[in-house]
Amino acid sequence: GYFTEPALRALFPPEDQAEHARSHV
C-alpha cells in the first residue's frame, strides 16, 4: 500500500515519507 496507494502515504508528513519508504524496503 505504501508504494501503490497515495492515500496511505499521505498518513505521514511529507518530510517523513522517504524514511518510511527506506525502512519498509
mmCIF file of all heavy atoms, coordinates in Angstrom:
data_MODEL
# 
_entry.id   MODEL 
# 
loop_
_atom_site.group_PDB 
_atom_site.id 
_atom_site.type_symbol 
_atom_site.label_atom_id 
_atom_site.label_alt_id 
_atom_site.label_comp_id 
_atom_site.label_asym_id 
_atom_site.label_entity_id 
_atom_site.label_seq_id 
_atom_site.pdbx_PDB_ins_code 
_atom_site.Cartn_x 
_atom_site.Cartn_y 
_atom_site.Cartn_z 
_atom_site.occupancy 
_atom_site.B_iso_or_equiv 
_atom_site.pdbx_formal_charge 
_atom_site.auth_seq_id 
_atom_site.auth_comp_id 
_atom_site.auth_asym_id 
_atom_site.auth_atom_id 
_atom_site.pdbx_PDB_model_num 
ATOM 1   N N   . GLY A 1 1  ? 0.801  -1.211 0.000  1.00 0.00 ? 1  GLY A N   1 
ATOM 2   C CA  . GLY A 1 1  ? 0.000  0.000  0.000  1.00 0.00 ? 1  GLY A CA  1 
ATOM 3   C C   . GLY A 1 1  ? 0.836  1.264  0.000  1.00 0.00 ? 1  GLY A C   1 
ATOM 4   O O   . GLY A 1 1  ? 0.486  2.249  -0.658 1.00 0.00 ? 1  GLY A O   1 
ATOM 5   N N   . TYR A 1 2  ? 1.953  1.237  0.723  1.00 0.00 ? 2  TYR A N   1 
ATOM 6   C CA  . TYR A 1 2  ? 2.776  2.443  0.817  1.00 0.00 ? 2  TYR A CA  1 
ATOM 7   C C   . TYR A 1 2  ? 3.335  2.847  -0.547 1.00 0.00 ? 2  TYR A C   1 
ATOM 8   O O   . TYR A 1 2  ? 3.482  4.035  -0.832 1.00 0.00 ? 2  TYR A O   1 
ATOM 9   C CB  . TYR A 1 2  ? 3.922  2.229  1.808  1.00 0.00 ? 2  TYR A CB  1 
ATOM 10  C CG  . TYR A 1 2  ? 4.586  3.516  2.214  1.00 0.00 ? 2  TYR A CG  1 
ATOM 11  C CD1 . TYR A 1 2  ? 4.033  4.315  3.204  1.00 0.00 ? 2  TYR A CD1 1 
ATOM 12  C CD2 . TYR A 1 2  ? 5.748  3.960  1.585  1.00 0.00 ? 2  TYR A CD2 1 
ATOM 13  C CE1 . TYR A 1 2  ? 4.628  5.520  3.568  1.00 0.00 ? 2  TYR A CE1 1 
ATOM 14  C CE2 . TYR A 1 2  ? 6.343  5.170  1.943  1.00 0.00 ? 2  TYR A CE2 1 
ATOM 15  C CZ  . TYR A 1 2  ? 5.772  5.941  2.935  1.00 0.00 ? 2  TYR A CZ  1 
ATOM 16  O OH  . TYR A 1 2  ? 6.353  7.137  3.278  1.00 0.00 ? 2  TYR A OH  1 
ATOM 17  N N   . PHE A 1 3  ? 3.641  1.874  -1.389 1.00 0.00 ? 3  PHE A N   1 
ATOM 18  C CA  . PHE A 1 3  ? 4.242  2.194  -2.690 1.00 0.00 ? 3  PHE A CA  1 
ATOM 19  C C   . PHE A 1 3  ? 3.227  2.264  -3.823 1.00 0.00 ? 3  PHE A C   1 
ATOM 20  O O   . PHE A 1 3  ? 3.585  2.645  -4.939 1.00 0.00 ? 3  PHE A O   1 
ATOM 21  C CB  . PHE A 1 3  ? 5.320  1.159  -3.028 1.00 0.00 ? 3  PHE A CB  1 
ATOM 22  C CG  . PHE A 1 3  ? 6.567  1.306  -2.197 1.00 0.00 ? 3  PHE A CG  1 
ATOM 23  C CD1 . PHE A 1 3  ? 6.754  0.533  -1.065 1.00 0.00 ? 3  PHE A CD1 1 
ATOM 24  C CD2 . PHE A 1 3  ? 7.529  2.242  -2.528 1.00 0.00 ? 3  PHE A CD2 1 
ATOM 25  C CE1 . PHE A 1 3  ? 7.897  0.678  -0.284 1.00 0.00 ? 3  PHE A CE1 1 
ATOM 26  C CE2 . PHE A 1 3  ? 8.673  2.393  -1.758 1.00 0.00 ? 3  PHE A CE2 1 
ATOM 27  C CZ  . PHE A 1 3  ? 8.851  1.614  -0.628 1.00 0.00 ? 3  PHE A CZ  1 
ATOM 28  N N   . THR A 1 4  ? 1.973  1.919  -3.563 1.00 0.00 ? 4  THR A N   1 
ATOM 29  C CA  . THR A 1 4  ? 0.981  1.909  -4.651 1.00 0.00 ? 4  THR A CA  1 
ATOM 30  C C   . THR A 1 4  ? -0.257 2.747  -4.356 1.00 0.00 ? 4  THR A C   1 
ATOM 31  O O   . THR A 1 4  ? -1.049 2.984  -5.266 1.00 0.00 ? 4  THR A O   1 
ATOM 32  C CB  . THR A 1 4  ? 0.536  0.464  -4.969 1.00 0.00 ? 4  THR A CB  1 
ATOM 33  O OG1 . THR A 1 4  ? -0.086 -0.113 -3.803 1.00 0.00 ? 4  THR A OG1 1 
ATOM 34  C CG2 . THR A 1 4  ? 1.717  -0.395 -5.391 1.00 0.00 ? 4  THR A CG2 1 
ATOM 35  N N   . GLU A 1 5  ? -0.440 3.188  -3.104 1.00 0.00 ? 5  GLU A N   1 
ATOM 36  C CA  . GLU A 1 5  ? -1.648 3.930  -2.744 1.00 0.00 ? 5  GLU A CA  1 
ATOM 37  C C   . GLU A 1 5  ? -1.260 5.284  -2.137 1.00 0.00 ? 5  GLU A C   1 
ATOM 38  O O   . GLU A 1 5  ? -0.798 5.353  -0.999 1.00 0.00 ? 5  GLU A O   1 
ATOM 39  C CB  . GLU A 1 5  ? -2.487 3.137  -1.731 1.00 0.00 ? 5  GLU A CB  1 
ATOM 40  C CG  . GLU A 1 5  ? -2.930 1.776  -2.237 1.00 0.00 ? 5  GLU A CG  1 
ATOM 41  C CD  . GLU A 1 5  ? -3.639 0.985  -1.158 1.00 0.00 ? 5  GLU A CD  1 
ATOM 42  O OE1 . GLU A 1 5  ? -4.230 1.618  -0.245 1.00 0.00 ? 5  GLU A OE1 1 
ATOM 43  O OE2 . GLU A 1 5  ? -3.610 -0.261 -1.214 1.00 0.00 ? 5  GLU A OE2 1 
ATOM 44  N N   . PRO A 1 6  ? -1.439 6.357  -2.867 1.00 0.00 ? 6  PRO A N   1 
ATOM 45  C CA  . PRO A 1 6  ? -1.079 7.685  -2.340 1.00 0.00 ? 6  PRO A CA  1 
ATOM 46  C C   . PRO A 1 6  ? -1.779 8.024  -1.028 1.00 0.00 ? 6  PRO A C   1 
ATOM 47  O O   . PRO A 1 6  ? -1.217 8.724  -0.183 1.00 0.00 ? 6  PRO A O   1 
ATOM 48  C CB  . PRO A 1 6  ? -1.510 8.627  -3.468 1.00 0.00 ? 6  PRO A CB  1 
ATOM 49  C CG  . PRO A 1 6  ? -1.466 7.779  -4.709 1.00 0.00 ? 6  PRO A CG  1 
ATOM 50  C CD  . PRO A 1 6  ? -1.869 6.409  -4.279 1.00 0.00 ? 6  PRO A CD  1 
ATOM 51  N N   . ALA A 1 7  ? -2.996 7.539  -0.829 1.00 0.00 ? 7  ALA A N   1 
ATOM 52  C CA  . ALA A 1 7  ? -3.735 7.858  0.390  1.00 0.00 ? 7  ALA A CA  1 
ATOM 53  C C   . ALA A 1 7  ? -3.044 7.287  1.622  1.00 0.00 ? 7  ALA A C   1 
ATOM 54  O O   . ALA A 1 7  ? -3.057 7.904  2.697  1.00 0.00 ? 7  ALA A O   1 
ATOM 55  C CB  . ALA A 1 7  ? -5.163 7.334  0.301  1.00 0.00 ? 7  ALA A CB  1 
ATOM 56  N N   . LEU A 1 8  ? -2.435 6.123  1.488  1.00 0.00 ? 8  LEU A N   1 
ATOM 57  C CA  . LEU A 1 8  ? -1.731 5.533  2.623  1.00 0.00 ? 8  LEU A CA  1 
ATOM 58  C C   . LEU A 1 8  ? -0.461 6.317  2.937  1.00 0.00 ? 8  LEU A C   1 
ATOM 59  O O   . LEU A 1 8  ? -0.148 6.577  4.102  1.00 0.00 ? 8  LEU A O   1 
ATOM 60  C CB  . LEU A 1 8  ? -1.385 4.068  2.325  1.00 0.00 ? 8  LEU A CB  1 
ATOM 61  C CG  . LEU A 1 8  ? -0.688 3.299  3.455  1.00 0.00 ? 8  LEU A CG  1 
ATOM 62  C CD1 . LEU A 1 8  ? -1.513 3.342  4.728  1.00 0.00 ? 8  LEU A CD1 1 
ATOM 63  C CD2 . LEU A 1 8  ? -0.435 1.855  3.043  1.00 0.00 ? 8  LEU A CD2 1 
ATOM 64  N N   . ARG A 1 9  ? 0.251  6.723  1.930  1.00 0.00 ? 9  ARG A N   1 
ATOM 65  C CA  . ARG A 1 9  ? 1.460  7.517  2.140  1.00 0.00 ? 9  ARG A CA  1 
ATOM 66  C C   . ARG A 1 9  ? 1.118  8.874  2.770  1.00 0.00 ? 9  ARG A C   1 
ATOM 67  O O   . ARG A 1 9  ? 1.887  9.410  3.567  1.00 0.00 ? 9  ARG A O   1 
ATOM 68  C CB  . ARG A 1 9  ? 2.182  7.711  0.813  1.00 0.00 ? 9  ARG A CB  1 
ATOM 69  C CG  . ARG A 1 9  ? 3.494  8.453  0.922  1.00 0.00 ? 9  ARG A CG  1 
ATOM 70  C CD  . ARG A 1 9  ? 4.217  8.484  -0.406 1.00 0.00 ? 9  ARG A CD  1 
ATOM 71  N NE  . ARG A 1 9  ? 4.734  7.186  -0.778 1.00 0.00 ? 9  ARG A NE  1 
ATOM 72  C CZ  . ARG A 1 9  ? 6.002  6.933  -1.090 1.00 0.00 ? 9  ARG A CZ  1 
ATOM 73  N NH1 . ARG A 1 9  ? 6.882  7.902  -1.061 1.00 0.00 ? 9  ARG A NH1 1 
ATOM 74  N NH2 . ARG A 1 9  ? 6.381  5.743  -1.433 1.00 0.00 ? 9  ARG A NH2 1 
ATOM 75  N N   . ALA A 1 10 ? -0.048 9.405  2.441  1.00 0.00 ? 10 ALA A N   1 
ATOM 76  C CA  . ALA A 1 10 ? -0.455 10.714 2.957  1.00 0.00 ? 10 ALA A CA  1 
ATOM 77  C C   . ALA A 1 10 ? -0.766 10.680 4.444  1.00 0.00 ? 10 ALA A C   1 
ATOM 78  O O   . ALA A 1 10 ? -0.974 11.747 5.049  1.00 0.00 ? 10 ALA A O   1 
ATOM 79  C CB  . ALA A 1 10 ? -1.669 11.219 2.194  1.00 0.00 ? 10 ALA A CB  1 
ATOM 80  N N   . LEU A 1 11 ? -0.783 9.511  5.064  1.00 0.00 ? 11 LEU A N   1 
ATOM 81  C CA  . LEU A 1 11 ? -0.961 9.429  6.510  1.00 0.00 ? 11 LEU A CA  1 
ATOM 82  C C   . LEU A 1 11 ? 0.249  9.981  7.263  1.00 0.00 ? 11 LEU A C   1 
ATOM 83  O O   . LEU A 1 11 ? 0.173  10.225 8.469  1.00 0.00 ? 11 LEU A O   1 
ATOM 84  C CB  . LEU A 1 11 ? -1.187 7.974  6.938  1.00 0.00 ? 11 LEU A CB  1 
ATOM 85  C CG  . LEU A 1 11 ? -2.513 7.320  6.543  1.00 0.00 ? 11 LEU A CG  1 
ATOM 86  C CD1 . LEU A 1 11 ? -2.479 5.836  6.851  1.00 0.00 ? 11 LEU A CD1 1 
ATOM 87  C CD2 . LEU A 1 11 ? -3.674 7.996  7.271  1.00 0.00 ? 11 LEU A CD2 1 
ATOM 88  N N   . PHE A 1 12 ? 1.373  10.165 6.560  1.00 0.00 ? 12 PHE A N   1 
ATOM 89  C CA  . PHE A 1 12 ? 2.608  10.607 7.197  1.00 0.00 ? 12 PHE A CA  1 
ATOM 90  C C   . PHE A 1 12 ? 3.030  11.966 6.633  1.00 0.00 ? 12 PHE A C   1 
ATOM 91  O O   . PHE A 1 12 ? 2.791  12.261 5.455  1.00 0.00 ? 12 PHE A O   1 
ATOM 92  C CB  . PHE A 1 12 ? 3.718  9.578  6.953  1.00 0.00 ? 12 PHE A CB  1 
ATOM 93  C CG  . PHE A 1 12 ? 3.330  8.184  7.383  1.00 0.00 ? 12 PHE A CG  1 
ATOM 94  C CD1 . PHE A 1 12 ? 2.849  7.267  6.462  1.00 0.00 ? 12 PHE A CD1 1 
ATOM 95  C CD2 . PHE A 1 12 ? 3.429  7.801  8.711  1.00 0.00 ? 12 PHE A CD2 1 
ATOM 96  C CE1 . PHE A 1 12 ? 2.479  5.994  6.850  1.00 0.00 ? 12 PHE A CE1 1 
ATOM 97  C CE2 . PHE A 1 12 ? 3.065  6.532  9.117  1.00 0.00 ? 12 PHE A CE2 1 
ATOM 98  C CZ  . PHE A 1 12 ? 2.587  5.626  8.190  1.00 0.00 ? 12 PHE A CZ  1 
ATOM 99  N N   . PRO A 1 13 ? 3.678  12.807 7.439  1.00 0.00 ? 13 PRO A N   1 
ATOM 100 C CA  . PRO A 1 13 ? 4.134  14.108 6.938  1.00 0.00 ? 13 PRO A CA  1 
ATOM 101 C C   . PRO A 1 13 ? 5.066  13.928 5.742  1.00 0.00 ? 13 PRO A C   1 
ATOM 102 O O   . PRO A 1 13 ? 5.831  12.954 5.688  1.00 0.00 ? 13 PRO A O   1 
ATOM 103 C CB  . PRO A 1 13 ? 4.889  14.695 8.140  1.00 0.00 ? 13 PRO A CB  1 
ATOM 104 C CG  . PRO A 1 13 ? 4.341  13.993 9.332  1.00 0.00 ? 13 PRO A CG  1 
ATOM 105 C CD  . PRO A 1 13 ? 4.004  12.604 8.863  1.00 0.00 ? 13 PRO A CD  1 
ATOM 106 N N   . PRO A 1 14 ? 5.016  14.834 4.779  1.00 0.00 ? 14 PRO A N   1 
ATOM 107 C CA  . PRO A 1 14 ? 5.853  14.702 3.580  1.00 0.00 ? 14 PRO A CA  1 
ATOM 108 C C   . PRO A 1 14 ? 7.335  14.530 3.891  1.00 0.00 ? 14 PRO A C   1 
ATOM 109 O O   . PRO A 1 14 ? 8.028  13.752 3.225  1.00 0.00 ? 14 PRO A O   1 
ATOM 110 C CB  . PRO A 1 14 ? 5.584  16.001 2.817  1.00 0.00 ? 14 PRO A CB  1 
ATOM 111 C CG  . PRO A 1 14 ? 4.221  16.420 3.261  1.00 0.00 ? 14 PRO A CG  1 
ATOM 112 C CD  . PRO A 1 14 ? 4.110  16.000 4.696  1.00 0.00 ? 14 PRO A CD  1 
ATOM 113 N N   . GLU A 1 15 ? 7.832  15.221 4.926  1.00 0.00 ? 15 GLU A N   1 
ATOM 114 C CA  . GLU A 1 15 ? 9.258  15.139 5.246  1.00 0.00 ? 15 GLU A CA  1 
ATOM 115 C C   . GLU A 1 15 ? 9.651  13.794 5.860  1.00 0.00 ? 15 GLU A C   1 
ATOM 116 O O   . GLU A 1 15 ? 10.844 13.482 5.962  1.00 0.00 ? 15 GLU A O   1 
ATOM 117 C CB  . GLU A 1 15 ? 9.658  16.275 6.187  1.00 0.00 ? 15 GLU A CB  1 
ATOM 118 C CG  . GLU A 1 15 ? 8.921  16.308 7.506  1.00 0.00 ? 15 GLU A CG  1 
ATOM 119 C CD  . GLU A 1 15 ? 7.646  17.136 7.456  1.00 0.00 ? 15 GLU A CD  1 
ATOM 120 O OE1 . GLU A 1 15 ? 7.069  17.292 6.349  1.00 0.00 ? 15 GLU A OE1 1 
ATOM 121 O OE2 . GLU A 1 15 ? 7.233  17.648 8.519  1.00 0.00 ? 15 GLU A OE2 1 
ATOM 122 N N   . ASP A 1 16 ? 8.666  12.972 6.264  1.00 0.00 ? 16 ASP A N   1 
ATOM 123 C CA  . ASP A 1 16 ? 8.964  11.658 6.846  1.00 0.00 ? 16 ASP A CA  1 
ATOM 124 C C   . ASP A 1 16 ? 8.812  10.523 5.838  1.00 0.00 ? 16 ASP A C   1 
ATOM 125 O O   . ASP A 1 16 ? 9.200  9.376  6.121  1.00 0.00 ? 16 ASP A O   1 
ATOM 126 C CB  . ASP A 1 16 ? 8.020  11.375 8.027  1.00 0.00 ? 16 ASP A CB  1 
ATOM 127 C CG  . ASP A 1 16 ? 8.213  12.342 9.178  1.00 0.00 ? 16 ASP A CG  1 
ATOM 128 O OD1 . ASP A 1 16 ? 9.148  13.164 9.121  1.00 0.00 ? 16 ASP A OD1 1 
ATOM 129 O OD2 . ASP A 1 16 ? 7.413  12.272 10.130 1.00 0.00 ? 16 ASP A OD2 1 
ATOM 130 N N   . GLN A 1 17 ? 8.247  10.809 4.681  1.00 0.00 ? 17 GLN A N   1 
ATOM 131 C CA  . GLN A 1 17 ? 7.846  9.733  3.782  1.00 0.00 ? 17 GLN A CA  1 
ATOM 132 C C   . GLN A 1 17 ? 9.022  8.972  3.181  1.00 0.00 ? 17 GLN A C   1 
ATOM 133 O O   . GLN A 1 17 ? 8.963  7.746  3.026  1.00 0.00 ? 17 GLN A O   1 
ATOM 134 C CB  . GLN A 1 17 ? 6.944  10.297 2.671  1.00 0.00 ? 17 GLN A CB  1 
ATOM 135 C CG  . GLN A 1 17 ? 5.596  10.769 3.204  1.00 0.00 ? 17 GLN A CG  1 
ATOM 136 C CD  . GLN A 1 17 ? 4.734  11.435 2.155  1.00 0.00 ? 17 GLN A CD  1 
ATOM 137 O OE1 . GLN A 1 17 ? 5.050  11.403 0.948  1.00 0.00 ? 17 GLN A OE1 1 
ATOM 138 N NE2 . GLN A 1 17 ? 3.650  12.066 2.582  1.00 0.00 ? 17 GLN A NE2 1 
ATOM 139 N N   . ALA A 1 18 ? 10.102 9.653  2.879  1.00 0.00 ? 18 ALA A N   1 
ATOM 140 C CA  . ALA A 1 18 ? 11.258 8.971  2.301  1.00 0.00 ? 18 ALA A CA  1 
ATOM 141 C C   . ALA A 1 18 ? 11.851 7.970  3.291  1.00 0.00 ? 18 ALA A C   1 
ATOM 142 O O   . ALA A 1 18 ? 12.243 6.857  2.918  1.00 0.00 ? 18 ALA A O   1 
ATOM 143 C CB  . ALA A 1 18 ? 12.315 9.988  1.877  1.00 0.00 ? 18 ALA A CB  1 
ATOM 144 N N   . GLU A 1 19 ? 11.894 8.331  4.567  1.00 0.00 ? 19 GLU A N   1 
ATOM 145 C CA  . GLU A 1 19 ? 12.426 7.431  5.584  1.00 0.00 ? 19 GLU A CA  1 
ATOM 146 C C   . GLU A 1 19 ? 11.523 6.208  5.767  1.00 0.00 ? 19 GLU A C   1 
ATOM 147 O O   . GLU A 1 19 ? 12.005 5.086  5.936  1.00 0.00 ? 19 GLU A O   1 
ATOM 148 C CB  . GLU A 1 19 ? 12.598 8.166  6.914  1.00 0.00 ? 19 GLU A CB  1 
ATOM 149 C CG  . GLU A 1 19 ? 12.954 7.281  8.096  1.00 0.00 ? 19 GLU A CG  1 
ATOM 150 C CD  . GLU A 1 19 ? 14.218 6.468  7.897  1.00 0.00 ? 19 GLU A CD  1 
ATOM 151 O OE1 . GLU A 1 19 ? 15.061 6.839  7.055  1.00 0.00 ? 19 GLU A OE1 1 
ATOM 152 O OE2 . GLU A 1 19 ? 14.359 5.431  8.560  1.00 0.00 ? 19 GLU A OE2 1 
ATOM 153 N N   . HIS A 1 20 ? 10.217 6.411  5.718  1.00 0.00 ? 20 HIS A N   1 
ATOM 154 C CA  . HIS A 1 20 ? 9.304  5.271  5.805  1.00 0.00 ? 20 HIS A CA  1 
ATOM 155 C C   . HIS A 1 20 ? 9.505  4.319  4.621  1.00 0.00 ? 20 HIS A C   1 
ATOM 156 O O   . HIS A 1 20 ? 9.492  3.092  4.790  1.00 0.00 ? 20 HIS A O   1 
ATOM 157 C CB  . HIS A 1 20 ? 7.860  5.752  5.850  1.00 0.00 ? 20 HIS A CB  1 
ATOM 158 C CG  . HIS A 1 20 ? 7.428  6.279  7.183  1.00 0.00 ? 20 HIS A CG  1 
ATOM 159 N ND1 . HIS A 1 20 ? 7.383  5.498  8.313  1.00 0.00 ? 20 HIS A ND1 1 
ATOM 160 C CD2 . HIS A 1 20 ? 7.032  7.517  7.572  1.00 0.00 ? 20 HIS A CD2 1 
ATOM 161 C CE1 . HIS A 1 20 ? 6.975  6.223  9.341  1.00 0.00 ? 20 HIS A CE1 1 
ATOM 162 N NE2 . HIS A 1 20 ? 6.753  7.457  8.917  1.00 0.00 ? 20 HIS A NE2 1 
ATOM 163 N N   . ALA A 1 21 ? 9.675  4.875  3.442  1.00 0.00 ? 21 ALA A N   1 
ATOM 164 C CA  . ALA A 1 21 ? 9.905  4.043  2.260  1.00 0.00 ? 21 ALA A CA  1 
ATOM 165 C C   . ALA A 1 21 ? 11.177 3.223  2.420  1.00 0.00 ? 21 ALA A C   1 
ATOM 166 O O   . ALA A 1 21 ? 11.202 2.004  2.164  1.00 0.00 ? 21 ALA A O   1 
ATOM 167 C CB  . ALA A 1 21 ? 9.979  4.909  1.008  1.00 0.00 ? 21 ALA A CB  1 
ATOM 168 N N   . ARG A 1 22 ? 12.249 3.880  2.845  1.00 0.00 ? 22 ARG A N   1 
ATOM 169 C CA  . ARG A 1 22 ? 13.515 3.179  3.043  1.00 0.00 ? 22 ARG A CA  1 
ATOM 170 C C   . ARG A 1 22 ? 13.377 2.061  4.076  1.00 0.00 ? 22 ARG A C   1 
ATOM 171 O O   . ARG A 1 22 ? 13.850 0.937  3.887  1.00 0.00 ? 22 ARG A O   1 
ATOM 172 C CB  . ARG A 1 22 ? 14.582 4.168  3.508  1.00 0.00 ? 22 ARG A CB  1 
ATOM 173 C CG  . ARG A 1 22 ? 15.981 3.563  3.654  1.00 0.00 ? 22 ARG A CG  1 
ATOM 174 C CD  . ARG A 1 22 ? 16.824 4.332  4.653  1.00 0.00 ? 22 ARG A CD  1 
ATOM 175 N NE  . ARG A 1 22 ? 16.259 4.272  5.992  1.00 0.00 ? 22 ARG A NE  1 
ATOM 176 C CZ  . ARG A 1 22 ? 16.383 3.217  6.802  1.00 0.00 ? 22 ARG A CZ  1 
ATOM 177 N NH1 . ARG A 1 22 ? 17.043 2.133  6.407  1.00 0.00 ? 22 ARG A NH1 1 
ATOM 178 N NH2 . ARG A 1 22 ? 15.838 3.228  8.015  1.00 0.00 ? 22 ARG A NH2 1 
ATOM 179 N N   . SER A 1 23 ? 12.699 2.357  5.185  1.00 0.00 ? 23 SER A N   1 
ATOM 180 C CA  . SER A 1 23 ? 12.546 1.379  6.251  1.00 0.00 ? 23 SER A CA  1 
ATOM 181 C C   . SER A 1 23 ? 11.723 0.178  5.801  1.00 0.00 ? 23 SER A C   1 
ATOM 182 O O   . SER A 1 23 ? 12.062 -0.974 6.104  1.00 0.00 ? 23 SER A O   1 
ATOM 183 C CB  . SER A 1 23 ? 11.888 2.053  7.462  1.00 0.00 ? 23 SER A CB  1 
ATOM 184 O OG  . SER A 1 23 ? 11.718 1.141  8.517  1.00 0.00 ? 23 SER A OG  1 
ATOM 185 N N   . HIS A 1 24 ? 10.629 0.421  5.072  1.00 0.00 ? 24 HIS A N   1 
ATOM 186 C CA  . HIS A 1 24 ? 9.804  -0.685 4.574  1.00 0.00 ? 24 HIS A CA  1 
ATOM 187 C C   . HIS A 1 24 ? 10.632 -1.636 3.702  1.00 0.00 ? 24 HIS A C   1 
ATOM 188 O O   . HIS A 1 24 ? 10.550 -2.864 3.838  1.00 0.00 ? 24 HIS A O   1 
ATOM 189 C CB  . HIS A 1 24 ? 8.632  -0.138 3.760  1.00 0.00 ? 24 HIS A CB  1 
ATOM 190 C CG  . HIS A 1 24 ? 7.483  0.337  4.592  1.00 0.00 ? 24 HIS A CG  1 
ATOM 191 N ND1 . HIS A 1 24 ? 7.025  -0.331 5.700  1.00 0.00 ? 24 HIS A ND1 1 
ATOM 192 C CD2 . HIS A 1 24 ? 6.683  1.430  4.459  1.00 0.00 ? 24 HIS A CD2 1 
ATOM 193 C CE1 . HIS A 1 24 ? 5.995  0.308  6.224  1.00 0.00 ? 24 HIS A CE1 1 
ATOM 194 N NE2 . HIS A 1 24 ? 5.769  1.390  5.486  1.00 0.00 ? 24 HIS A NE2 1 
ATOM 195 N N   . VAL A 1 25 ? 11.405 -1.067 2.801  1.00 0.00 ? 25 VAL A N   1 
ATOM 196 C CA  . VAL A 1 25 ? 12.196 -1.899 1.888  1.00 0.00 ? 25 VAL A CA  1 
ATOM 197 C C   . VAL A 1 25 ? 13.267 -2.671 2.659  1.00 0.00 ? 25 VAL A C   1 
ATOM 198 O O   . VAL A 1 25 ? 13.485 -3.870 2.419  1.00 0.00 ? 25 VAL A O   1 
ATOM 199 C CB  . VAL A 1 25 ? 12.835 -1.032 0.786  1.00 0.00 ? 25 VAL A CB  1 
ATOM 200 C CG1 . VAL A 1 25 ? 13.742 -1.881 -0.098 1.00 0.00 ? 25 VAL A CG1 1 
ATOM 201 C CG2 . VAL A 1 25 ? 11.748 -0.365 -0.063 1.00 0.00 ? 25 VAL A CG2 1 
# 
